[in-house]
Amino acid sequence: MNKYESMFVFSVAKGEEAVTALSEKFQALINANGTLVSAEPFGGMNGVRTLAYEINDETQGAYVLMNYEANAALPAERERVAGITDGVRRVLTIRK
């Protein structure tokens, strides 16, 4: 099992409930294939911060930081799911 850290940037256009739903979706994906250590908003109020540049005409995004342990196949699967999920603006994953 490897340790990973993923930073998600979710769209805030559909409201806080949509951000919570997206966060829970990815937490469930991680728990199904590994062990979620922590998931928390990153900076600002509820993780909402101003973006350095516009992404899809949006100037703000909700940042969520997730730490987890999983096998090497999970980050690729999570990237695939993030790519086809509406409301996910950016994801960055590092192996600790």
N, C-alpha and C. Protein backbone atom coordinates (compact mmCIF):
# COMPACT_ATOMS: atom_id res chain seq x y z
N MET A 1 0.85 -1.18 0.00
CA MET A 1 0.00 0.00 0.00
C MET A 1 0.89 1.24 0.00
N ASN A 2 0.60 2.15 -0.92
CA ASN A 2 1.32 3.42 -1.01
C ASN A 2 0.49 4.52 -0.37
N LYS A 3 1.16 5.56 0.08
CA LYS A 3 0.46 6.72 0.64
C LYS A 3 0.37 7.80 -0.43
N TYR A 4 -0.82 8.37 -0.57
CA TYR A 4 -1.07 9.39 -1.57
C TYR A 4 -1.74 10.61 -0.94
N GLU A 5 -1.57 11.73 -1.64
CA GLU A 5 -2.24 12.97 -1.26
C GLU A 5 -2.81 13.57 -2.54
N SER A 6 -4.12 13.83 -2.54
CA SER A 6 -4.78 14.41 -3.71
C SER A 6 -5.45 15.73 -3.33
N MET A 7 -5.24 16.73 -4.17
CA MET A 7 -5.90 18.02 -4.01
C MET A 7 -6.91 18.15 -5.14
N PHE A 8 -8.17 18.26 -4.77
CA PHE A 8 -9.26 18.42 -5.74
C PHE A 8 -9.69 19.87 -5.77
N VAL A 9 -10.05 20.36 -6.95
CA VAL A 9 -10.68 21.67 -7.09
C VAL A 9 -12.03 21.40 -7.74
N PHE A 10 -13.09 21.67 -6.98
CA PHE A 10 -14.45 21.45 -7.45
C PHE A 10 -15.10 22.77 -7.81
N SER A 11 -16.04 22.72 -8.75
CA SER A 11 -16.81 23.88 -9.15
C SER A 11 -17.76 24.28 -8.02
N VAL A 12 -17.89 25.58 -7.79
CA VAL A 12 -18.82 26.08 -6.78
C VAL A 12 -20.08 26.67 -7.42
N ALA A 13 -20.22 26.52 -8.73
CA ALA A 13 -21.35 27.10 -9.45
C ALA A 13 -22.69 26.50 -9.03
N LYS A 14 -22.70 25.23 -8.64
CA LYS A 14 -23.96 24.57 -8.28
C LYS A 14 -24.21 24.56 -6.78
N GLY A 15 -23.37 25.22 -6.02
CA GLY A 15 -23.59 25.35 -4.59
C GLY A 15 -22.79 24.40 -3.73
N GLU A 16 -22.89 24.63 -2.43
CA GLU A 16 -22.13 23.87 -1.45
C GLU A 16 -22.55 22.41 -1.41
N GLU A 17 -23.84 22.13 -1.66
CA GLU A 17 -24.32 20.75 -1.63
C GLU A 17 -23.66 19.92 -2.73
N ALA A 18 -23.46 20.51 -3.89
CA ALA A 18 -22.81 19.81 -5.00
C ALA A 18 -21.35 19.51 -4.67
N VAL A 19 -20.69 20.46 -4.02
CA VAL A 19 -19.29 20.24 -3.61
C VAL A 19 -19.21 19.10 -2.60
N THR A 20 -20.13 19.08 -1.64
CA THR A 20 -20.16 18.01 -0.65
C THR A 20 -20.42 16.67 -1.31
N ALA A 21 -21.33 16.63 -2.26
CA ALA A 21 -21.65 15.39 -2.97
C ALA A 21 -20.44 14.87 -3.75
N LEU A 22 -19.73 15.77 -4.43
CA LEU A 22 -18.53 15.36 -5.17
C LEU A 22 -17.45 14.84 -4.23
N SER A 23 -17.26 15.54 -3.12
CA SER A 23 -16.27 15.11 -2.14
C SER A 23 -16.61 13.72 -1.60
N GLU A 24 -17.87 13.50 -1.28
CA GLU A 24 -18.29 12.19 -0.76
C GLU A 24 -18.15 11.10 -1.82
N LYS A 25 -18.38 11.44 -3.08
CA LYS A 25 -18.23 10.47 -4.17
C LYS A 25 -16.79 9.97 -4.23
N PHE A 26 -15.83 10.88 -4.17
CA PHE A 26 -14.43 10.48 -4.26
C PHE A 26 -13.94 9.82 -2.97
N GLN A 27 -14.50 10.21 -1.84
CA GLN A 27 -14.16 9.53 -0.59
C GLN A 27 -14.64 8.07 -0.65
N ALA A 28 -15.83 7.84 -1.19
CA ALA A 28 -16.36 6.48 -1.32
C ALA A 28 -15.50 5.66 -2.28
N LEU A 29 -15.05 6.27 -3.38
CA LEU A 29 -14.18 5.58 -4.33
C LEU A 29 -12.88 5.16 -3.66
N ILE A 30 -12.31 6.06 -2.88
CA ILE A 30 -11.06 5.75 -2.19
C ILE A 30 -11.28 4.66 -1.14
N ASN A 31 -12.36 4.76 -0.37
CA ASN A 31 -12.63 3.75 0.66
C ASN A 31 -12.90 2.38 0.06
N ALA A 32 -13.46 2.32 -1.14
CA ALA A 32 -13.75 1.04 -1.78
C ALA A 32 -12.47 0.34 -2.25
N ASN A 33 -11.42 1.12 -2.50
CA ASN A 33 -10.19 0.55 -3.05
C ASN A 33 -8.96 0.78 -2.18
N GLY A 34 -9.14 1.38 -1.01
CA GLY A 34 -8.01 1.66 -0.14
C GLY A 34 -8.52 2.15 1.20
N THR A 35 -7.69 2.95 1.87
CA THR A 35 -8.04 3.48 3.19
C THR A 35 -7.91 4.99 3.17
N LEU A 36 -9.02 5.68 3.40
CA LEU A 36 -9.01 7.14 3.49
C LEU A 36 -8.50 7.54 4.87
N VAL A 37 -7.43 8.31 4.91
CA VAL A 37 -6.86 8.76 6.18
C VAL A 37 -7.52 10.06 6.62
N SER A 38 -7.65 11.02 5.70
CA SER A 38 -8.30 12.28 6.03
C SER A 38 -8.82 12.95 4.76
N ALA A 39 -9.87 13.72 4.94
CA ALA A 39 -10.43 14.54 3.85
C ALA A 39 -10.94 15.81 4.48
N GLU A 40 -10.40 16.93 4.04
CA GLU A 40 -10.77 18.20 4.67
C GLU A 40 -10.67 19.34 3.66
N PRO A 41 -11.51 20.37 3.84
CA PRO A 41 -11.40 21.56 2.99
C PRO A 41 -10.03 22.20 3.19
N PHE A 42 -9.49 22.78 2.14
CA PHE A 42 -8.16 23.37 2.21
C PHE A 42 -8.25 24.87 2.04
N GLY A 43 -8.02 25.60 3.13
CA GLY A 43 -7.96 27.06 3.08
C GLY A 43 -9.28 27.73 2.82
N GLY A 44 -9.40 28.94 3.28
CA GLY A 44 -10.60 29.72 3.04
C GLY A 44 -11.83 29.17 3.76
N MET A 45 -12.95 29.80 3.51
CA MET A 45 -14.19 29.37 4.13
C MET A 45 -14.73 28.17 3.37
N ASN A 46 -14.82 27.02 4.02
CA ASN A 46 -15.26 25.77 3.40
C ASN A 46 -14.40 25.38 2.21
N GLY A 47 -13.17 25.82 2.18
CA GLY A 47 -12.26 25.48 1.10
C GLY A 47 -12.43 26.30 -0.15
N VAL A 48 -13.33 27.28 -0.16
CA VAL A 48 -13.57 28.09 -1.35
C VAL A 48 -12.50 29.17 -1.43
N ARG A 49 -11.81 29.20 -2.56
CA ARG A 49 -10.74 30.16 -2.78
C ARG A 49 -10.85 30.74 -4.18
N THR A 50 -10.28 31.92 -4.36
CA THR A 50 -10.21 32.52 -5.68
C THR A 50 -9.12 31.83 -6.49
N LEU A 51 -9.44 31.46 -7.71
CA LEU A 51 -8.48 30.78 -8.58
C LEU A 51 -7.48 31.77 -9.16
N ALA A 52 -6.29 31.32 -9.45
CA ALA A 52 -5.27 32.18 -10.04
C ALA A 52 -5.65 32.58 -11.47
N TYR A 53 -6.41 31.74 -12.15
CA TYR A 53 -6.89 32.03 -13.49
C TYR A 53 -8.25 31.36 -13.66
N GLU A 54 -9.05 31.85 -14.57
CA GLU A 54 -10.39 31.31 -14.79
C GLU A 54 -10.31 29.90 -15.37
N ILE A 55 -11.18 29.04 -14.86
CA ILE A 55 -11.34 27.69 -15.41
C ILE A 55 -12.81 27.56 -15.78
N ASN A 56 -13.09 27.40 -17.06
CA ASN A 56 -14.47 27.30 -17.56
C ASN A 56 -15.30 28.50 -17.10
N ASP A 57 -14.77 29.68 -17.20
CA ASP A 57 -15.43 30.94 -16.84
C ASP A 57 -15.76 31.05 -15.36
N GLU A 58 -15.10 30.31 -14.51
CA GLU A 58 -15.30 30.40 -13.06
C GLU A 58 -14.06 30.98 -12.41
N THR A 59 -14.27 31.85 -11.42
CA THR A 59 -13.14 32.50 -10.76
C THR A 59 -12.90 31.95 -9.36
N GLN A 60 -13.79 31.07 -8.87
CA GLN A 60 -13.62 30.47 -7.56
C GLN A 60 -13.75 28.96 -7.65
N GLY A 61 -13.10 28.27 -6.70
CA GLY A 61 -13.19 26.83 -6.65
C GLY A 61 -13.12 26.37 -5.21
N ALA A 62 -13.68 25.19 -4.94
CA ALA A 62 -13.63 24.60 -3.61
C ALA A 62 -12.50 23.58 -3.58
N TYR A 63 -11.53 23.81 -2.72
CA TYR A 63 -10.37 22.93 -2.60
C TYR A 63 -10.62 21.91 -1.50
N VAL A 64 -10.35 20.63 -1.81
CA VAL A 64 -10.48 19.56 -0.82
C VAL A 64 -9.22 18.72 -0.89
N LEU A 65 -8.58 18.52 0.26
CA LEU A 65 -7.36 17.75 0.37
C LEU A 65 -7.68 16.39 0.96
N MET A 66 -7.28 15.31 0.26
CA MET A 66 -7.52 13.94 0.74
C MET A 66 -6.20 13.20 0.83
N ASN A 67 -5.98 12.59 1.98
CA ASN A 67 -4.83 11.72 2.21
C ASN A 67 -5.35 10.30 2.32
N TYR A 68 -4.68 9.36 1.65
CA TYR A 68 -5.16 7.98 1.66
C TYR A 68 -4.03 7.01 1.37
N GLU A 69 -4.31 5.75 1.66
CA GLU A 69 -3.40 4.65 1.36
C GLU A 69 -4.12 3.71 0.41
N ALA A 70 -3.43 3.31 -0.66
CA ALA A 70 -4.05 2.45 -1.66
C ALA A 70 -2.97 1.77 -2.49
N ASN A 71 -3.42 0.83 -3.32
CA ASN A 71 -2.48 0.20 -4.23
C ASN A 71 -2.21 1.15 -5.40
N ALA A 72 -1.27 0.80 -6.24
CA ALA A 72 -0.82 1.70 -7.30
C ALA A 72 -1.87 1.93 -8.38
N ALA A 73 -2.89 1.10 -8.48
CA ALA A 73 -3.90 1.25 -9.54
C ALA A 73 -4.95 2.31 -9.22
N LEU A 74 -5.15 2.64 -7.95
CA LEU A 74 -6.21 3.57 -7.58
C LEU A 74 -6.03 4.98 -8.14
N PRO A 75 -4.85 5.59 -8.10
CA PRO A 75 -4.74 6.96 -8.65
C PRO A 75 -5.14 7.04 -10.13
N ALA A 76 -4.83 6.04 -10.92
CA ALA A 76 -5.21 6.05 -12.33
C ALA A 76 -6.73 5.96 -12.47
N GLU A 77 -7.36 5.11 -11.67
CA GLU A 77 -8.82 4.98 -11.71
C GLU A 77 -9.49 6.27 -11.23
N ARG A 78 -8.95 6.88 -10.19
CA ARG A 78 -9.50 8.12 -9.67
C ARG A 78 -9.37 9.23 -10.70
N GLU A 79 -8.25 9.29 -11.42
CA GLU A 79 -8.06 10.27 -12.49
C GLU A 79 -9.09 10.05 -13.60
N ARG A 80 -9.36 8.80 -13.95
CA ARG A 80 -10.33 8.49 -14.99
C ARG A 80 -11.71 8.97 -14.58
N VAL A 81 -12.11 8.66 -13.35
CA VAL A 81 -13.43 9.07 -12.86
C VAL A 81 -13.52 10.59 -12.77
N ALA A 82 -12.46 11.24 -12.33
CA ALA A 82 -12.46 12.70 -12.22
C ALA A 82 -12.59 13.35 -13.59
N GLY A 83 -12.01 12.74 -14.60
CA GLY A 83 -12.07 13.29 -15.95
C GLY A 83 -13.46 13.27 -16.56
N ILE A 84 -14.31 12.34 -16.12
CA ILE A 84 -15.64 12.24 -16.69
C ILE A 84 -16.73 12.76 -15.76
N THR A 85 -16.33 13.31 -14.60
CA THR A 85 -17.29 13.82 -13.63
C THR A 85 -17.46 15.32 -13.80
N ASP A 86 -18.71 15.73 -13.99
CA ASP A 86 -19.01 17.15 -14.11
C ASP A 86 -18.81 17.83 -12.75
N GLY A 87 -18.14 18.95 -12.74
CA GLY A 87 -17.93 19.69 -11.51
C GLY A 87 -16.52 19.58 -10.96
N VAL A 88 -15.73 18.67 -11.49
CA VAL A 88 -14.33 18.55 -11.09
C VAL A 88 -13.50 19.42 -12.03
N ARG A 89 -12.83 20.40 -11.47
CA ARG A 89 -12.05 21.33 -12.30
C ARG A 89 -10.59 20.89 -12.44
N ARG A 90 -9.97 20.52 -11.35
CA ARG A 90 -8.57 20.08 -11.39
C ARG A 90 -8.33 19.06 -10.28
N VAL A 91 -7.35 18.17 -10.50
CA VAL A 91 -6.93 17.21 -9.48
C VAL A 91 -5.42 17.07 -9.61
N LEU A 92 -4.75 17.08 -8.46
CA LEU A 92 -3.32 16.85 -8.43
C LEU A 92 -3.06 15.79 -7.38
N THR A 93 -2.36 14.73 -7.76
CA THR A 93 -2.06 13.64 -6.83
C THR A 93 -0.56 13.45 -6.75
N ILE A 94 -0.07 13.29 -5.53
CA ILE A 94 1.34 12.96 -5.31
C ILE A 94 1.43 11.72 -4.45
N ARG A 95 2.50 10.99 -4.66
CA ARG A 95 2.78 9.83 -3.80
C ARG A 95 3.76 10.30 -2.74
N LYS A 96 3.39 10.09 -1.49
CA LYS A 96 4.23 10.55 -0.39
C LYS A 96 5.41 9.64 -0.19
